[in-house]
PDB file of all heavy atoms in Angstrom:
ATOM      1  N   LEU A   1       1.318  -3.160  -4.595  1.00  0.00           N
ATOM      2  CA  LEU A   1       2.740  -2.938  -4.249  1.00  0.00           C
ATOM      3  C   LEU A   1       2.858  -1.733  -3.339  1.00  0.00           C
ATOM      4  O   LEU A   1       2.122  -0.730  -3.508  1.00  0.00           O
ATOM      5  CB  LEU A   1       3.562  -2.681  -5.520  1.00  0.00           C
ATOM      6  CG  LEU A   1       3.355  -3.706  -6.654  1.00  0.00           C
ATOM      7  CD1 LEU A   1       4.220  -3.339  -7.865  1.00  0.00           C
ATOM      8  CD2 LEU A   1       3.669  -5.136  -6.184  1.00  0.00           C
ATOM      9  N   ASN A   2       3.765  -1.827  -2.400  1.00  0.00           N
ATOM     10  CA  ASN A   2       3.963  -0.728  -1.423  1.00  0.00           C
ATOM     11  C   ASN A   2       4.934   0.325  -1.992  1.00  0.00           C
ATOM     12  O   ASN A   2       5.853   0.777  -1.339  1.00  0.00           O
ATOM     13  CB  ASN A   2       4.523  -1.280  -0.107  1.00  0.00           C
ATOM     14  CG  ASN A   2       4.294  -0.361   1.059  1.00  0.00           C
ATOM     15  OD1 ASN A   2       3.181   0.170   1.230  1.00  0.00           O
ATOM     16  ND2 ASN A   2       5.314  -0.204   1.905  1.00  0.00           N
ATOM     17  N   ARG A   3       4.686   0.696  -3.253  1.00  0.00           N
ATOM     18  CA  ARG A   3       5.516   1.682  -3.957  1.00  0.00           C
ATOM     19  C   ARG A   3       4.856   3.054  -3.860  1.00  0.00           C
ATOM     20  O   ARG A   3       3.636   3.157  -3.903  1.00  0.00           O
ATOM     21  CB  ARG A   3       5.689   1.304  -5.416  1.00  0.00           C
ATOM     22  CG  ARG A   3       6.261  -0.087  -5.640  1.00  0.00           C
ATOM     23  CD  ARG A   3       7.736  -0.136  -5.376  1.00  0.00           C
ATOM     24  NE  ARG A   3       8.343  -1.416  -5.781  1.00  0.00           N
ATOM     25  CZ  ARG A   3       8.945  -1.626  -6.939  1.00  0.00           C
ATOM     26  NH1 ARG A   3       9.029  -0.656  -7.831  1.00  0.00           N
ATOM     27  NH2 ARG A   3       9.437  -2.826  -7.237  1.00  0.00           N
ATOM     28  N   PRO A   4       5.658   4.090  -3.766  1.00  0.00           N
ATOM     29  CA  PRO A   4       5.064   5.457  -3.675  1.00  0.00           C
ATOM     30  C   PRO A   4       4.251   5.817  -4.928  1.00  0.00           C
ATOM     31  O   PRO A   4       4.523   5.343  -6.051  1.00  0.00           O
ATOM     32  CB  PRO A   4       6.288   6.360  -3.533  1.00  0.00           C
ATOM     33  CG  PRO A   4       7.400   5.496  -3.101  1.00  0.00           C
ATOM     34  CD  PRO A   4       7.115   4.152  -3.709  1.00  0.00           C
ATOM     35  N   LEU A   5       3.262   6.657  -4.718  1.00  0.00           N
ATOM     36  CA  LEU A   5       2.451   7.231  -5.786  1.00  0.00           C
ATOM     37  C   LEU A   5       2.759   8.726  -5.890  1.00  0.00           C
ATOM     38  O   LEU A   5       3.297   9.317  -4.976  1.00  0.00           O
ATOM     39  CB  LEU A   5       0.947   7.048  -5.502  1.00  0.00           C
ATOM     40  CG  LEU A   5       0.396   5.631  -5.696  1.00  0.00           C
ATOM     41  CD1 LEU A   5      -1.012   5.532  -5.159  1.00  0.00           C
ATOM     42  CD2 LEU A   5       0.419   5.250  -7.186  1.00  0.00           C
ATOM     43  N   PRO A   6       2.398   9.328  -7.013  1.00  0.00           N
ATOM     44  CA  PRO A   6       2.572  10.803  -7.092  1.00  0.00           C
ATOM     45  C   PRO A   6       1.829  11.516  -5.987  1.00  0.00           C
ATOM     46  O   PRO A   6       0.804  11.018  -5.494  1.00  0.00           O
ATOM     47  CB  PRO A   6       1.983  11.126  -8.468  1.00  0.00           C
ATOM     48  CG  PRO A   6       2.121   9.865  -9.250  1.00  0.00           C
ATOM     49  CD  PRO A   6       1.929   8.741  -8.290  1.00  0.00           C
ATOM     50  N   ASP A   7       2.334  12.678  -5.593  1.00  0.00           N
ATOM     51  CA  ASP A   7       1.743  13.466  -4.517  1.00  0.00           C
ATOM     52  C   ASP A   7       0.248  13.667  -4.781  1.00  0.00           C
ATOM     53  O   ASP A   7      -0.169  13.984  -5.904  1.00  0.00           O
ATOM     54  CB  ASP A   7       2.426  14.798  -4.377  1.00  0.00           C
ATOM     55  CG  ASP A   7       3.848  14.636  -3.803  1.00  0.00           C
ATOM     56  OD1 ASP A   7       4.116  13.568  -3.239  1.00  0.00           O
ATOM     57  OD2 ASP A   7       4.652  15.598  -3.898  1.00  0.00           O
ATOM     58  N   GLY A   8      -0.523  13.484  -3.712  1.00  0.00           N
ATOM     59  CA  GLY A   8      -1.964  13.758  -3.815  1.00  0.00           C
ATOM     60  C   GLY A   8      -2.805  12.511  -4.132  1.00  0.00           C
ATOM     61  O   GLY A   8      -4.017  12.532  -3.966  1.00  0.00           O
ATOM     62  N   GLU A   9      -2.148  11.445  -4.588  1.00  0.00           N
ATOM     63  CA  GLU A   9      -2.899  10.207  -4.883  1.00  0.00           C
ATOM     64  C   GLU A   9      -2.940   9.307  -3.641  1.00  0.00           C
ATOM     65  O   GLU A   9      -1.901   9.107  -2.989  1.00  0.00           O
ATOM     66  CB  GLU A   9      -2.274   9.456  -6.035  1.00  0.00           C
ATOM     67  CG  GLU A   9      -2.383  10.157  -7.389  1.00  0.00           C
ATOM     68  CD  GLU A   9      -1.939   9.257  -8.520  1.00  0.00           C
ATOM     69  OE1 GLU A   9      -2.130   8.034  -8.440  1.00  0.00           O
ATOM     70  OE2 GLU A   9      -1.407   9.801  -9.522  1.00  0.00           O
ATOM     71  N   GLU A  10      -4.133   8.839  -3.301  1.00  0.00           N
ATOM     72  CA  GLU A  10      -4.313   8.014  -2.100  1.00  0.00           C
ATOM     73  C   GLU A  10      -3.737   6.627  -2.344  1.00  0.00           C
ATOM     74  O   GLU A  10      -4.000   5.996  -3.390  1.00  0.00           O
ATOM     75  CB  GLU A  10      -5.766   7.927  -1.713  1.00  0.00           C
ATOM     76  CG  GLU A  10      -6.031   7.231  -0.389  1.00  0.00           C
ATOM     77  CD  GLU A  10      -7.443   7.368   0.057  1.00  0.00           C
ATOM     78  OE1 GLU A  10      -8.233   8.092  -0.593  1.00  0.00           O
ATOM     79  OE2 GLU A  10      -7.800   6.735   1.083  1.00  0.00           O
ATOM     80  N   HIS A  11      -3.015   6.064  -1.355  1.00  0.00           N
ATOM     81  CA  HIS A  11      -2.404   4.764  -1.476  1.00  0.00           C
ATOM     82  C   HIS A  11      -3.154   3.760  -0.615  1.00  0.00           C
ATOM     83  O   HIS A  11      -3.527   4.073   0.503  1.00  0.00           O
ATOM     84  CB  HIS A  11      -0.949   4.848  -1.042  1.00  0.00           C
ATOM     85  CG  HIS A  11      -0.062   3.741  -1.606  1.00  0.00           C
ATOM     86  ND1 HIS A  11      -0.198   2.426  -1.239  1.00  0.00           N
ATOM     87  CD2 HIS A  11       0.901   3.790  -2.537  1.00  0.00           C
ATOM     88  CE1 HIS A  11       0.684   1.710  -1.921  1.00  0.00           C
ATOM     89  NE2 HIS A  11       1.356   2.492  -2.695  1.00  0.00           N
ATOM     90  N   PRO A  12      -3.364   2.542  -1.111  1.00  0.00           N
ATOM     91  CA  PRO A  12      -4.060   1.541  -0.268  1.00  0.00           C
ATOM     92  C   PRO A  12      -3.197   0.897   0.777  1.00  0.00           C
ATOM     93  O   PRO A  12      -3.691   0.148   1.618  1.00  0.00           O
ATOM     94  CB  PRO A  12      -4.498   0.496  -1.313  1.00  0.00           C
ATOM     95  CG  PRO A  12      -3.486   0.606  -2.391  1.00  0.00           C
ATOM     96  CD  PRO A  12      -3.094   2.062  -2.456  1.00  0.00           C
ATOM     97  N   LEU A  13      -1.876   1.216   0.785  1.00  0.00           N
ATOM     98  CA  LEU A  13      -0.975   0.664   1.789  1.00  0.00           C
ATOM     99  C   LEU A  13      -0.273   1.802   2.505  1.00  0.00           C
ATOM    100  O   LEU A  13      -0.900   2.824   2.769  1.00  0.00           O
ATOM    101  CB  LEU A  13       0.033  -0.316   1.122  1.00  0.00           C
ATOM    102  CG  LEU A  13      -0.599  -1.597   0.589  1.00  0.00           C
ATOM    103  CD1 LEU A  13       0.345  -2.389  -0.270  1.00  0.00           C
ATOM    104  CD2 LEU A  13      -1.116  -2.476   1.734  1.00  0.00           C
ATOM    105  N   PHE A  14       0.998   1.668   2.822  1.00  0.00           N
ATOM    106  CA  PHE A  14       1.700   2.713   3.557  1.00  0.00           C
ATOM    107  C   PHE A  14       3.180   2.719   3.229  1.00  0.00           C
ATOM    108  O   PHE A  14       4.031   2.319   3.995  1.00  0.00           O
ATOM    109  CB  PHE A  14       1.532   2.536   5.100  1.00  0.00           C
ATOM    110  CG  PHE A  14       1.407   1.070   5.546  1.00  0.00           C
ATOM    111  CD1 PHE A  14       2.493   0.235   5.625  1.00  0.00           C
ATOM    112  CD2 PHE A  14       0.144   0.566   5.859  1.00  0.00           C
ATOM    113  CE1 PHE A  14       2.370  -1.072   5.985  1.00  0.00           C
ATOM    114  CE2 PHE A  14      -0.006  -0.773   6.239  1.00  0.00           C
ATOM    115  CZ  PHE A  14       1.106  -1.596   6.336  1.00  0.00           C
ATOM    116  N   PRO A  15       3.518   3.247   2.009  1.00  0.00           N
ATOM    117  CA  PRO A  15       4.913   3.244   1.568  1.00  0.00           C
ATOM    118  C   PRO A  15       5.817   4.122   2.423  1.00  0.00           C
ATOM    119  O   PRO A  15       7.040   4.003   2.381  1.00  0.00           O
ATOM    120  CB  PRO A  15       4.847   3.751   0.137  1.00  0.00           C
ATOM    121  CG  PRO A  15       3.540   4.440   0.013  1.00  0.00           C
ATOM    122  CD  PRO A  15       2.633   3.727   0.973  1.00  0.00           C
ATOM    123  N   ASP A  16       5.198   5.026   3.204  1.00  0.00           N
ATOM    124  CA  ASP A  16       5.996   5.886   4.101  1.00  0.00           C
ATOM    125  C   ASP A  16       6.398   5.166   5.390  1.00  0.00           C
ATOM    126  O   ASP A  16       7.197   5.681   6.156  1.00  0.00           O
ATOM    127  CB  ASP A  16       5.203   7.142   4.442  1.00  0.00           C
ATOM    128  CG  ASP A  16       3.852   6.854   5.058  1.00  0.00           C
ATOM    129  OD1 ASP A  16       3.260   5.823   4.737  1.00  0.00           O
ATOM    130  OD2 ASP A  16       3.378   7.686   5.861  1.00  0.00           O
ATOM    131  N   ARG A  17       5.848   3.962   5.623  1.00  0.00           N
ATOM    132  CA  ARG A  17       6.080   3.288   6.899  1.00  0.00           C
ATOM    133  C   ARG A  17       6.597   1.857   6.785  1.00  0.00           C
ATOM    134  O   ARG A  17       6.784   1.180   7.770  1.00  0.00           O
ATOM    135  CB  ARG A  17       4.826   3.317   7.742  1.00  0.00           C
ATOM    136  CG  ARG A  17       4.254   4.731   8.005  1.00  0.00           C
ATOM    137  CD  ARG A  17       3.173   4.699   9.056  1.00  0.00           C
ATOM    138  NE  ARG A  17       3.679   4.221  10.352  1.00  0.00           N
ATOM    139  CZ  ARG A  17       2.892   3.928  11.391  1.00  0.00           C
ATOM    140  NH1 ARG A  17       1.598   4.061  11.261  1.00  0.00           N
ATOM    141  NH2 ARG A  17       3.412   3.512  12.542  1.00  0.00           N
ATOM    142  N   ALA A  18       6.796   1.388   5.588  1.00  0.00           N
ATOM    143  CA  ALA A  18       7.280   0.033   5.376  1.00  0.00           C
ATOM    144  C   ALA A  18       8.091  -0.013   4.097  1.00  0.00           C
ATOM    145  O   ALA A  18       7.955   0.858   3.240  1.00  0.00           O
ATOM    146  CB  ALA A  18       6.113  -0.954   5.293  1.00  0.00           C
ATOM    147  N   PRO A  19       8.955  -1.015   3.956  1.00  0.00           N
ATOM    148  CA  PRO A  19       9.821  -1.045   2.773  1.00  0.00           C
ATOM    149  C   PRO A  19       9.047  -1.056   1.473  1.00  0.00           C
ATOM    150  O   PRO A  19       7.946  -1.620   1.392  1.00  0.00           O
ATOM    151  CB  PRO A  19      10.571  -2.384   2.961  1.00  0.00           C
ATOM    152  CG  PRO A  19      10.575  -2.636   4.428  1.00  0.00           C
ATOM    153  CD  PRO A  19       9.250  -2.091   4.917  1.00  0.00           C
ATOM    154  N   HIS A  20       9.588  -0.432   0.467  1.00  0.00           N
ATOM    155  CA  HIS A  20       8.905  -0.357  -0.829  1.00  0.00           C
ATOM    156  C   HIS A  20       8.917  -1.703  -1.525  1.00  0.00           C
ATOM    157  O   HIS A  20       8.180  -1.910  -2.524  1.00  0.00           O
ATOM    158  CB  HIS A  20       9.598   0.704  -1.708  1.00  0.00           C
ATOM    159  CG  HIS A  20       9.425   2.078  -1.186  1.00  0.00           C
ATOM    160  ND1 HIS A  20      10.094   3.150  -1.707  1.00  0.00           N
ATOM    161  CD2 HIS A  20       8.633   2.590  -0.199  1.00  0.00           C
ATOM    162  CE1 HIS A  20       9.746   4.257  -1.031  1.00  0.00           C
ATOM    163  NE2 HIS A  20       8.862   3.924  -0.126  1.00  0.00           N
ATOM    164  N   SER A  21       9.685  -2.652  -1.052  1.00  0.00           N
ATOM    165  CA  SER A  21       9.686  -4.021  -1.613  1.00  0.00           C
ATOM    166  C   SER A  21       8.521  -4.851  -1.087  1.00  0.00           C
ATOM    167  O   SER A  21       8.266  -5.937  -1.579  1.00  0.00           O
ATOM    168  CB  SER A  21      11.003  -4.742  -1.252  1.00  0.00           C
ATOM    169  OG  SER A  21      11.171  -4.762   0.181  1.00  0.00           O
ATOM    170  N   ALA A  22       7.774  -4.318  -0.126  1.00  0.00           N
ATOM    171  CA  ALA A  22       6.610  -5.036   0.453  1.00  0.00           C
ATOM    172  C   ALA A  22       5.464  -5.013  -0.539  1.00  0.00           C
ATOM    173  O   ALA A  22       5.389  -4.147  -1.420  1.00  0.00           O
ATOM    174  CB  ALA A  22       6.209  -4.413   1.759  1.00  0.00           C
ATOM    175  N   PHE A  23       4.547  -5.939  -0.363  1.00  0.00           N
ATOM    176  CA  PHE A  23       3.381  -6.031  -1.247  1.00  0.00           C
ATOM    177  C   PHE A  23       2.225  -6.668  -0.477  1.00  0.00           C
ATOM    178  O   PHE A  23       2.424  -7.159   0.636  1.00  0.00           O
ATOM    179  CB  PHE A  23       3.710  -6.814  -2.495  1.00  0.00           C
ATOM    180  CG  PHE A  23       4.233  -8.225  -2.239  1.00  0.00           C
ATOM    181  CD1 PHE A  23       3.378  -9.329  -2.196  1.00  0.00           C
ATOM    182  CD2 PHE A  23       5.585  -8.445  -2.026  1.00  0.00           C
ATOM    183  CE1 PHE A  23       3.830 -10.600  -1.954  1.00  0.00           C
ATOM    184  CE2 PHE A  23       6.074  -9.728  -1.791  1.00  0.00           C
ATOM    185  CZ  PHE A  23       5.196 -10.800  -1.736  1.00  0.00           C
ATOM    186  N   SER A  24       1.061  -6.710  -1.096  1.00  0.00           N
ATOM    187  CA  SER A  24      -0.113  -7.178  -0.363  1.00  0.00           C
ATOM    188  C   SER A  24      -1.215  -7.693  -1.279  1.00  0.00           C
ATOM    189  O   SER A  24      -1.392  -7.194  -2.395  1.00  0.00           O
ATOM    190  CB  SER A  24      -0.661  -6.042   0.501  1.00  0.00           C
ATOM    191  OG  SER A  24      -1.708  -6.482   1.353  1.00  0.00           O
ATOM    192  N   ALA A  25      -1.914  -8.713  -0.780  1.00  0.00           N
ATOM    193  CA  ALA A  25      -3.227  -9.043  -1.319  1.00  0.00           C
ATOM    194  C   ALA A  25      -4.223  -8.327  -0.419  1.00  0.00           C
ATOM    195  O   ALA A  25      -4.103  -8.366   0.802  1.00  0.00           O
ATOM    196  CB  ALA A  25      -3.448 -10.566  -1.259  1.00  0.00           C
ATOM    197  N   ILE A  26      -5.173  -7.614  -1.053  1.00  0.00           N
ATOM    198  CA  ILE A  26      -6.121  -6.797  -0.278  1.00  0.00           C
ATOM    199  C   ILE A  26      -7.536  -7.195  -0.651  1.00  0.00           C
ATOM    200  O   ILE A  26      -7.872  -7.304  -1.835  1.00  0.00           O
ATOM    201  CB  ILE A  26      -5.905  -5.307  -0.566  1.00  0.00           C
ATOM    202  CG1 ILE A  26      -4.487  -4.880  -0.185  1.00  0.00           C
ATOM    203  CG2 ILE A  26      -6.900  -4.452   0.235  1.00  0.00           C
ATOM    204  CD1 ILE A  26      -4.158  -3.435  -0.507  1.00  0.00           C
ATOM    205  N   GLY A  27      -8.400  -7.359   0.358  1.00  0.00           N
ATOM    206  CA  GLY A  27      -9.783  -7.656   0.106  1.00  0.00           C
ATOM    207  C   GLY A  27     -10.737  -6.643   0.724  1.00  0.00           C
ATOM    208  O   GLY A  27     -10.374  -5.953   1.691  1.00  0.00           O
ATOM    209  N   HIS A  28     -11.927  -6.574   0.186  1.00  0.00           N
ATOM    210  CA  HIS A  28     -13.012  -5.711   0.623  1.00  0.00           C
ATOM    211  C   HIS A  28     -13.153  -5.736   2.149  1.00  0.00           C
ATOM    212  O   HIS A  28     -13.009  -6.796   2.761  1.00  0.00           O
ATOM    213  CB  HIS A  28     -14.292  -6.169  -0.081  1.00  0.00           C
ATOM    214  CG  HIS A  28     -15.492  -5.382   0.239  1.00  0.00           C
ATOM    215  ND1 HIS A  28     -15.601  -4.017   0.020  1.00  0.00           N
ATOM    216  CD2 HIS A  28     -16.699  -5.766   0.739  1.00  0.00           C
ATOM    217  CE1 HIS A  28     -16.802  -3.602   0.367  1.00  0.00           C
ATOM    218  NE2 HIS A  28     -17.485  -4.654   0.817  1.00  0.00           N
ATOM    219  N   MET A  29     -13.429  -4.601   2.736  1.00  0.00           N
ATOM    220  CA  MET A  29     -13.697  -4.451   4.180  1.00  0.00           C
ATOM    221  C   MET A  29     -12.521  -4.803   5.075  1.00  0.00           C
ATOM    222  O   MET A  29     -12.669  -5.108   6.230  1.00  0.00           O
ATOM    223  CB  MET A  29     -14.908  -5.282   4.609  1.00  0.00           C
ATOM    224  CG  MET A  29     -16.187  -4.935   3.848  1.00  0.00           C
ATOM    225  SD  MET A  29     -16.674  -3.175   3.937  1.00  0.00           S
ATOM    226  CE  MET A  29     -17.091  -3.011   5.671  1.00  0.00           C
ATOM    227  N   GLY A  30     -11.299  -4.764   4.511  1.00  0.00           N
ATOM    228  CA  GLY A  30     -10.128  -4.847   5.374  1.00  0.00           C
ATOM    229  C   GLY A  30      -9.490  -6.204   5.521  1.00  0.00           C
ATOM    230  O   GLY A  30      -8.991  -6.540   6.591  1.00  0.00           O
ATOM    231  N   GLN A  31      -9.479  -6.997   4.426  1.00  0.00           N
ATOM    232  CA  GLN A  31      -8.742  -8.283   4.454  1.00  0.00           C
ATOM    233  C   GLN A  31      -7.346  -8.017   3.865  1.00  0.00           C
ATOM    234  O   GLN A  31      -7.247  -7.455   2.761  1.00  0.00           O
ATOM    235  CB  GLN A  31      -9.461  -9.344   3.611  1.00  0.00           C
ATOM    236  CG  GLN A  31     -10.983  -9.352   3.697  1.00  0.00           C
ATOM    237  CD  GLN A  31     -11.564  -9.225   5.070  1.00  0.00           C
ATOM    238  OE1 GLN A  31     -11.165  -9.954   5.992  1.00  0.00           O
ATOM    239  NE2 GLN A  31     -12.526  -8.360   5.231  1.00  0.00           N
ATOM    240  N   TYR A  32      -6.304  -8.438   4.595  1.00  0.00           N
ATOM    241  CA  TYR A  32      -4.936  -8.149   4.148  1.00  0.00           C
ATOM    242  C   TYR A  32      -4.031  -9.345   4.366  1.00  0.00           C
ATOM    243  O   TYR A  32      -4.051  -9.966   5.412  1.00  0.00           O
ATOM    244  CB  TYR A  32      -4.340  -6.976   4.910  1.00  0.00           C
ATOM    245  CG  TYR A  32      -4.954  -5.635   4.575  1.00  0.00           C
ATOM    246  CD1 TYR A  32      -6.099  -5.227   5.221  1.00  0.00           C
ATOM    247  CD2 TYR A  32      -4.414  -4.809   3.593  1.00  0.00           C
ATOM    248  CE1 TYR A  32      -6.712  -3.993   4.907  1.00  0.00           C
ATOM    249  CE2 TYR A  32      -4.978  -3.583   3.289  1.00  0.00           C
ATOM    250  CZ  TYR A  32      -6.146  -3.197   3.943  1.00  0.00           C
ATOM    251  OH  TYR A  32      -6.736  -1.998   3.632  1.00  0.00           O
ATOM    252  N   ILE A  33      -3.254  -9.669   3.320  1.00  0.00           N
ATOM    253  CA  ILE A  33      -2.046 -10.480   3.487  1.00  0.00           C
ATOM    254  C   ILE A  33      -0.926  -9.554   3.102  1.00  0.00           C
ATOM    255  O   ILE A  33      -0.704  -9.270   1.905  1.00  0.00           O
ATOM    256  CB  ILE A  33      -2.047 -11.726   2.559  1.00  0.00           C
ATOM    257  CG1 ILE A  33      -3.264 -12.563   2.766  1.00  0.00           C
ATOM    258  CG2 ILE A  33      -0.778 -12.555   2.825  1.00  0.00           C
ATOM    259  CD1 ILE A  33      -3.425 -13.686   1.723  1.00  0.00           C
TER     260      ILE A  33
END
């Protein structure tokens, strides 16, 4: 989910640049839906 995390925690997406309602399937080495 493209939801914010507490400060200092690394996010696998980008909640600062896309709506928080967005979501993703993520695969090893950079596969994304």
